[in-house]
PDB file of N, CA and C in Angstrom:
ATOM      1  N   MET A   1      84.688  78.016 132.444  1.00  0.00           N
ATOM      2  CA  MET A   1      86.079  77.607 132.324  1.00  0.00           C
ATOM      3  C   MET A   1      86.811  78.033 133.598  1.00  0.00           C
ATOM      4  N   SER A   2      87.568  77.129 134.136  1.00  0.00           N
ATOM      5  CA  SER A   2      88.272  77.447 135.367  1.00  0.00           C
ATOM      6  C   SER A   2      89.565  78.196 135.070  1.00  0.00           C
ATOM      7  N   ASP A   3      90.093  78.815 136.086  1.00  0.00           N
ATOM      8  CA  ASP A   3      91.334  79.579 135.929  1.00  0.00           C
ATOM      9  C   ASP A   3      92.516  78.682 135.598  1.00  0.00           C
ATOM     10  N   ASP A   4      92.462  77.428 135.988  1.00  0.00           N
ATOM     11  CA  ASP A   4      93.582  76.511 135.747  1.00  0.00           C
ATOM     12  C   ASP A   4      93.712  76.140 134.272  1.00  0.00           C
ATOM     13  N   ALA A   5      92.628  76.258 133.515  1.00  0.00           N
ATOM     14  CA  ALA A   5      92.651  75.827 132.124  1.00  0.00           C
ATOM     15  C   ALA A   5      93.148  76.928 131.179  1.00  0.00           C
ATOM     16  N   ARG A   6      93.348  78.127 131.675  1.00  0.00           N
ATOM     17  CA  ARG A   6      93.788  79.226 130.802  1.00  0.00           C
ATOM     18  C   ARG A   6      95.251  79.039 130.417  1.00  0.00           C
ATOM     19  N   LEU A   7      95.566  79.512 129.222  1.00  0.00           N
ATOM     20  CA  LEU A   7      96.955  79.470 128.776  1.00  0.00           C
ATOM     21  C   LEU A   7      97.744  80.561 129.481  1.00  0.00           C
ATOM     22  N   PRO A   8      99.017  80.323 129.702  1.00  0.00           N
ATOM     23  CA  PRO A   8      99.821  81.374 130.344  1.00  0.00           C
ATOM     24  C   PRO A   8      99.980  82.573 129.400  1.00  0.00           C
ATOM     25  N   ALA A   9     100.117  83.730 129.977  1.00  0.00           N
ATOM     26  CA  ALA A   9     100.290  84.947 129.176  1.00  0.00           C
ATOM     27  C   ALA A   9     101.631  84.867 128.444  1.00  0.00           C
ATOM     28  N   PRO A  10     101.666  85.352 127.204  1.00  0.00           N
ATOM     29  CA  PRO A  10     102.932  85.318 126.470  1.00  0.00           C
ATOM     30  C   PRO A  10     103.953  86.253 127.110  1.00  0.00           C
ATOM     31  N   GLU A  11     105.184  85.853 127.008  1.00  0.00           N
ATOM     32  CA  GLU A  11     106.257  86.678 127.552  1.00  0.00           C
ATOM     33  C   GLU A  11     106.407  87.934 126.699  1.00  0.00           C
ATOM     34  N   PRO A  12     106.579  89.083 127.312  1.00  0.00           N
ATOM     35  CA  PRO A  12     106.775  90.302 126.523  1.00  0.00           C
ATOM     36  C   PRO A  12     108.122  90.261 125.799  1.00  0.00           C
ATOM     37  N   VAL A  13     108.136  90.812 124.605  1.00  0.00           N
ATOM     38  CA  VAL A  13     109.370  90.861 123.820  1.00  0.00           C
ATOM     39  C   VAL A  13     109.937  92.265 123.963  1.00  0.00           C
ATOM     40  N   PRO A  14     111.053  92.424 124.661  1.00  0.00           N
ATOM     41  CA  PRO A  14     111.545  93.779 124.937  1.00  0.00           C
ATOM     42  C   PRO A  14     112.066  94.508 123.698  1.00  0.00           C
ATOM     43  N   TRP A  15     112.458  93.789 122.672  1.00  0.00           N
ATOM     44  CA  TRP A  15     113.033  94.448 121.496  1.00  0.00           C
ATOM     45  C   TRP A  15     112.013  94.709 120.404  1.00  0.00           C
ATOM     46  N   ARG A  16     110.750  94.376 120.624  1.00  0.00           N
ATOM     47  CA  ARG A  16     109.720  94.575 119.596  1.00  0.00           C
ATOM     48  C   ARG A  16     109.567  96.054 119.245  1.00  0.00           C
ATOM     49  N   GLY A  17     109.565  96.919 120.241  1.00  0.00           N
ATOM     50  CA  GLY A  17     109.457  98.352 119.992  1.00  0.00           C
ATOM     51  C   GLY A  17     110.630  98.875 119.186  1.00  0.00           C
ATOM     52  N   LEU A  18     111.814  98.352 119.455  1.00  0.00           N
ATOM     53  CA  LEU A  18     112.998  98.763 118.714  1.00  0.00           C
ATOM     54  C   LEU A  18     112.896  98.342 117.254  1.00  0.00           C
ATOM     55  N   VAL A  19     112.408  97.153 117.006  1.00  0.00           N
ATOM     56  CA  VAL A  19     112.263  96.669 115.628  1.00  0.00           C
ATOM     57  C   VAL A  19     111.218  97.498 114.883  1.00  0.00           C
ATOM     58  N   VAL A  20     110.100  97.786 115.525  1.00  0.00           N
ATOM     59  CA  VAL A  20     109.051  98.592 114.884  1.00  0.00           C
ATOM     60  C   VAL A  20     109.579  99.998 114.595  1.00  0.00           C
ATOM     61  N   THR A  21     110.293 100.590 115.536  1.00  0.00           N
ATOM     62  CA  THR A  21     110.855 101.920 115.338  1.00  0.00           C
ATOM     63  C   THR A  21     111.850 101.929 114.184  1.00  0.00           C
ATOM     64  N   ALA A  22     112.709 100.928 114.118  1.00  0.00           N
ATOM     65  CA  ALA A  22     113.678 100.841 113.028  1.00  0.00           C
ATOM     66  C   ALA A  22     112.983 100.678 111.685  1.00  0.00           C
ATOM     67  N   ALA A  23     111.926  99.888 111.638  1.00  0.00           N
ATOM     68  CA  ALA A  23     111.190  99.689 110.386  1.00  0.00           C
ATOM     69  C   ALA A  23     110.533 100.989 109.931  1.00  0.00           C
ATOM     70  N   VAL A  24     109.949 101.738 110.855  1.00  0.00           N
ATOM     71  CA  VAL A  24     109.312 103.010 110.504  1.00  0.00           C
ATOM     72  C   VAL A  24     110.353 104.010 110.014  1.00  0.00           C
ATOM     73  N   LEU A  25     111.488 104.083 110.678  1.00  0.00           N
ATOM     74  CA  LEU A  25     112.548 104.997 110.249  1.00  0.00           C
ATOM     75  C   LEU A  25     113.093 104.611 108.879  1.00  0.00           C
ATOM     76  N   LEU A  26     113.236 103.323 108.622  1.00  0.00           N
ATOM     77  CA  LEU A  26     113.695 102.870 107.310  1.00  0.00           C
ATOM     78  C   LEU A  26     112.676 103.238 106.231  1.00  0.00           C
ATOM     79  N   LEU A  27     111.406 103.075 106.527  1.00  0.00           N
ATOM     80  CA  LEU A  27     110.365 103.461 105.577  1.00  0.00           C
ATOM     81  C   LEU A  27     110.416 104.959 105.298  1.00  0.00           C
ATOM     82  N   CYS A  28     110.615 105.766 106.317  1.00  0.00           N
ATOM     83  CA  CYS A  28     110.733 107.219 106.135  1.00  0.00           C
ATOM     84  C   CYS A  28     111.938 107.559 105.264  1.00  0.00           C
ATOM     85  N   LEU A  29     113.041 106.871 105.468  1.00  0.00           N
ATOM     86  CA  LEU A  29     114.237 107.109 104.658  1.00  0.00           C
ATOM     87  C   LEU A  29     113.974 106.767 103.195  1.00  0.00           C
ATOM     88  N   VAL A  30     113.321 105.660 102.943  1.00  0.00           N
ATOM     89  CA  VAL A  30     113.007 105.261 101.561  1.00  0.00           C
ATOM     90  C   VAL A  30     112.102 106.300 100.912  1.00  0.00           C
ATOM     91  N   VAL A  31     111.113 106.782 101.649  1.00  0.00           N
ATOM     92  CA  VAL A  31     110.208 107.798 101.101  1.00  0.00           C
ATOM     93  C   VAL A  31     110.980 109.073 100.792  1.00  0.00           C
ATOM     94  N   GLN A  32     111.888 109.475 101.667  1.00  0.00           N
ATOM     95  CA  GLN A  32     112.674 110.689 101.432  1.00  0.00           C
ATOM     96  C   GLN A  32     113.566 110.549 100.205  1.00  0.00           C
ATOM     97  N   VAL A  33     114.143 109.375 100.016  1.00  0.00           N
ATOM     98  CA  VAL A  33     115.057 109.168  98.891  1.00  0.00           C
ATOM     99  C   VAL A  33     114.309 109.203  97.567  1.00  0.00           C
ATOM    100  N   PHE A  34     113.135 108.584  97.517  1.00  0.00           N
ATOM    101  CA  PHE A  34     112.419 108.464  96.248  1.00  0.00           C
ATOM    102  C   PHE A  34     111.392 109.567  96.022  1.00  0.00           C
ATOM    103  N   ALA A  35     110.973 110.277  97.050  1.00  0.00           N
ATOM    104  CA  ALA A  35     109.911 111.267  96.888  1.00  0.00           C
ATOM    105  C   ALA A  35     110.384 112.475  96.096  1.00  0.00           C
ATOM    106  N   HIS A  36     111.602 112.965  96.358  1.00  0.00           N
ATOM    107  CA  HIS A  36     112.065 114.172  95.679  1.00  0.00           C
ATOM    108  C   HIS A  36     112.205 113.966  94.174  1.00  0.00           C
ATOM    109  N   PRO A  37     112.892 112.922  93.697  1.00  0.00           N
ATOM    110  CA  PRO A  37     112.980 112.737  92.241  1.00  0.00           C
ATOM    111  C   PRO A  37     111.620 112.505  91.590  1.00  0.00           C
ATOM    112  N   LEU A  38     110.748 111.800  92.267  1.00  0.00           N
ATOM    113  CA  LEU A  38     109.420 111.542  91.714  1.00  0.00           C
ATOM    114  C   LEU A  38     108.625 112.837  91.624  1.00  0.00           C
ATOM    115  N   ALA A  39     108.688 113.661  92.662  1.00  0.00           N
ATOM    116  CA  ALA A  39     107.978 114.934  92.642  1.00  0.00           C
ATOM    117  C   ALA A  39     108.530 115.845  91.546  1.00  0.00           C
ATOM    118  N   ALA A  40     109.852 115.828  91.360  1.00  0.00           N
ATOM    119  CA  ALA A  40     110.453 116.642  90.306  1.00  0.00           C
ATOM    120  C   ALA A  40     109.995 116.167  88.932  1.00  0.00           C
ATOM    121  N   ARG A  41     109.914 114.874  88.736  1.00  0.00           N
ATOM    122  CA  ARG A  41     109.471 114.332  87.437  1.00  0.00           C
ATOM    123  C   ARG A  41     108.005 114.667  87.179  1.00  0.00           C
ATOM    124  N   ILE A  42     107.176 114.559  88.197  1.00  0.00           N
ATOM    125  CA  ILE A  42     105.764 114.913  88.041  1.00  0.00           C
ATOM    126  C   ILE A  42     105.635 116.391  87.683  1.00  0.00           C
ATOM    127  N   ALA A  43     106.425 117.255  88.320  1.00  0.00           N
ATOM    128  CA  ALA A  43     106.377 118.686  88.007  1.00  0.00           C
ATOM    129  C   ALA A  43     106.804 118.942  86.567  1.00  0.00           C
ATOM    130  N   GLU A  44     107.825 118.230  86.075  1.00  0.00           N
ATOM    131  CA  GLU A  44     108.251 118.381  84.683  1.00  0.00           C
ATOM    132  C   GLU A  44     107.128 117.994  83.725  1.00  0.00           C
ATOM    133  N   VAL A  45     106.473 116.895  83.998  1.00  0.00           N
ATOM    134  CA  VAL A  45     105.381 116.440  83.129  1.00  0.00           C
ATOM    135  C   VAL A  45     104.237 117.451  83.140  1.00  0.00           C
ATOM    136  N   LEU A  46     103.879 117.946  84.308  1.00  0.00           N
ATOM    137  CA  LEU A  46     102.795 118.922  84.390  1.00  0.00           C
ATOM    138  C   LEU A  46     103.163 120.218  83.671  1.00  0.00           C
ATOM    139  N   ASP A  47     104.424 120.642  83.764  1.00  0.00           N
ATOM    140  CA  ASP A  47     104.868 121.831  83.034  1.00  0.00           C
ATOM    141  C   ASP A  47     104.763 121.614  81.534  1.00  0.00           C
ATOM    142  N   ALA A  48     105.165 120.446  81.071  1.00  0.00           N
ATOM    143  CA  ALA A  48     105.092 120.154  79.636  1.00  0.00           C
ATOM    144  C   ALA A  48     103.648 120.148  79.157  1.00  0.00           C
ATOM    145  N   VAL A  49     102.754 119.577  79.943  1.00  0.00           N
ATOM    146  CA  VAL A  49     101.331 119.554  79.570  1.00  0.00           C
ATOM    147  C   VAL A  49     100.783 120.978  79.542  1.00  0.00           C
ATOM    148  N   GLU A  50     101.159 121.777  80.498  1.00  0.00           N
ATOM    149  CA  GLU A  50     100.684 123.166  80.534  1.00  0.00           C
ATOM    150  C   GLU A  50     101.183 123.945  79.320  1.00  0.00           C
ATOM    151  N   LEU A  51     102.454 123.796  78.974  1.00  0.00           N
ATOM    152  CA  LEU A  51     102.997 124.488  77.801  1.00  0.00           C
ATOM    153  C   LEU A  51     102.322 124.018  76.521  1.00  0.00           C
ATOM    154  N   TRP A  52     102.075 122.725  76.404  1.00  0.00           N
ATOM    155  CA  TRP A  52     101.381 122.205  75.222  1.00  0.00           C
ATOM    156  C   TRP A  52      99.964 122.784  75.147  1.00  0.00           C
ATOM    157  N   TRP A  53      99.285 122.829  76.291  1.00  0.00           N
ATOM    158  CA  TRP A  53      97.917 123.349  76.338  1.00  0.00           C
ATOM    159  C   TRP A  53      97.880 124.813  75.902  1.00  0.00           C
ATOM    160  N   LEU A  54      98.812 125.617  76.426  1.00  0.00           N
ATOM    161  CA  LEU A  54      98.832 127.036  76.076  1.00  0.00           C
ATOM    162  C   LEU A  54      99.264 127.255  74.631  1.00  0.00           C
ATOM    163  N   ALA A  55     100.182 126.433  74.131  1.00  0.00           N
ATOM    164  CA  ALA A  55     100.646 126.571  72.751  1.00  0.00           C
ATOM    165  C   ALA A  55      99.547 126.223  71.757  1.00  0.00           C
ATOM    166  N   ASN A  56      98.605 125.398  72.146  1.00  0.00           N
ATOM    167  CA  ASN A  56      97.527 125.002  71.246  1.00  0.00           C
ATOM    168  C   ASN A  56      96.257 125.815  71.474  1.00  0.00           C
ATOM    169  N   GLY A  57      96.412 126.999  72.026  1.00  0.00           N
ATOM    170  CA  GLY A  57      95.267 127.895  72.180  1.00  0.00           C
ATOM    171  C   GLY A  57      94.396 127.590  73.376  1.00  0.00           C
ATOM    172  N   GLY A  58      94.866 126.748  74.243  1.00  0.00           N
ATOM    173  CA  GLY A  58      94.077 126.421  75.422  1.00  0.00           C
ATOM    174  C   GLY A  58      94.088 127.560  76.409  1.00  0.00           C
ATOM    175  N   GLY A  59      93.141 127.588  77.227  1.00  0.00           N
ATOM    176  CA  GLY A  59      93.036 128.588  78.282  1.00  0.00           C
ATOM    177  C   GLY A  59      92.067 128.074  79.307  1.00  0.00           C
ATOM    178  N   LEU A  60      91.769 128.911  80.242  1.00  0.00           N
ATOM    179  CA  LEU A  60      90.860 128.473  81.299  1.00  0.00           C
ATOM    180  C   LEU A  60      89.469 128.193  80.745  1.00  0.00           C
ATOM    181  N   PHE A  61      89.047 128.991  79.748  1.00  0.00           N
ATOM    182  CA  PHE A  61      87.712 128.814  79.194  1.00  0.00           C
ATOM    183  C   PHE A  61      87.746 128.384  77.727  1.00  0.00           C
ATOM    184  N   GLY A  62      88.875 127.805  77.298  1.00  0.00           N
ATOM    185  CA  GLY A  62      88.963 127.259  75.955  1.00  0.00           C
ATOM    186  C   GLY A  62      89.285 128.202  74.856  1.00  0.00           C
TER     187      GLY A  62
END
């Protein structure tokens, strides 16, 4: 294939990095907003399971 038949290189998009950075920051914000309440709810459920286990005679070795 000769050099004349090649397609021209695409023009660089100067704002692509800005868009990717904004998307990553937005994703981090969403994770921060929803992670704390979810972690708190999971801890509540695990505490309830632990209390139920201990109240019913459970232990490390039964």
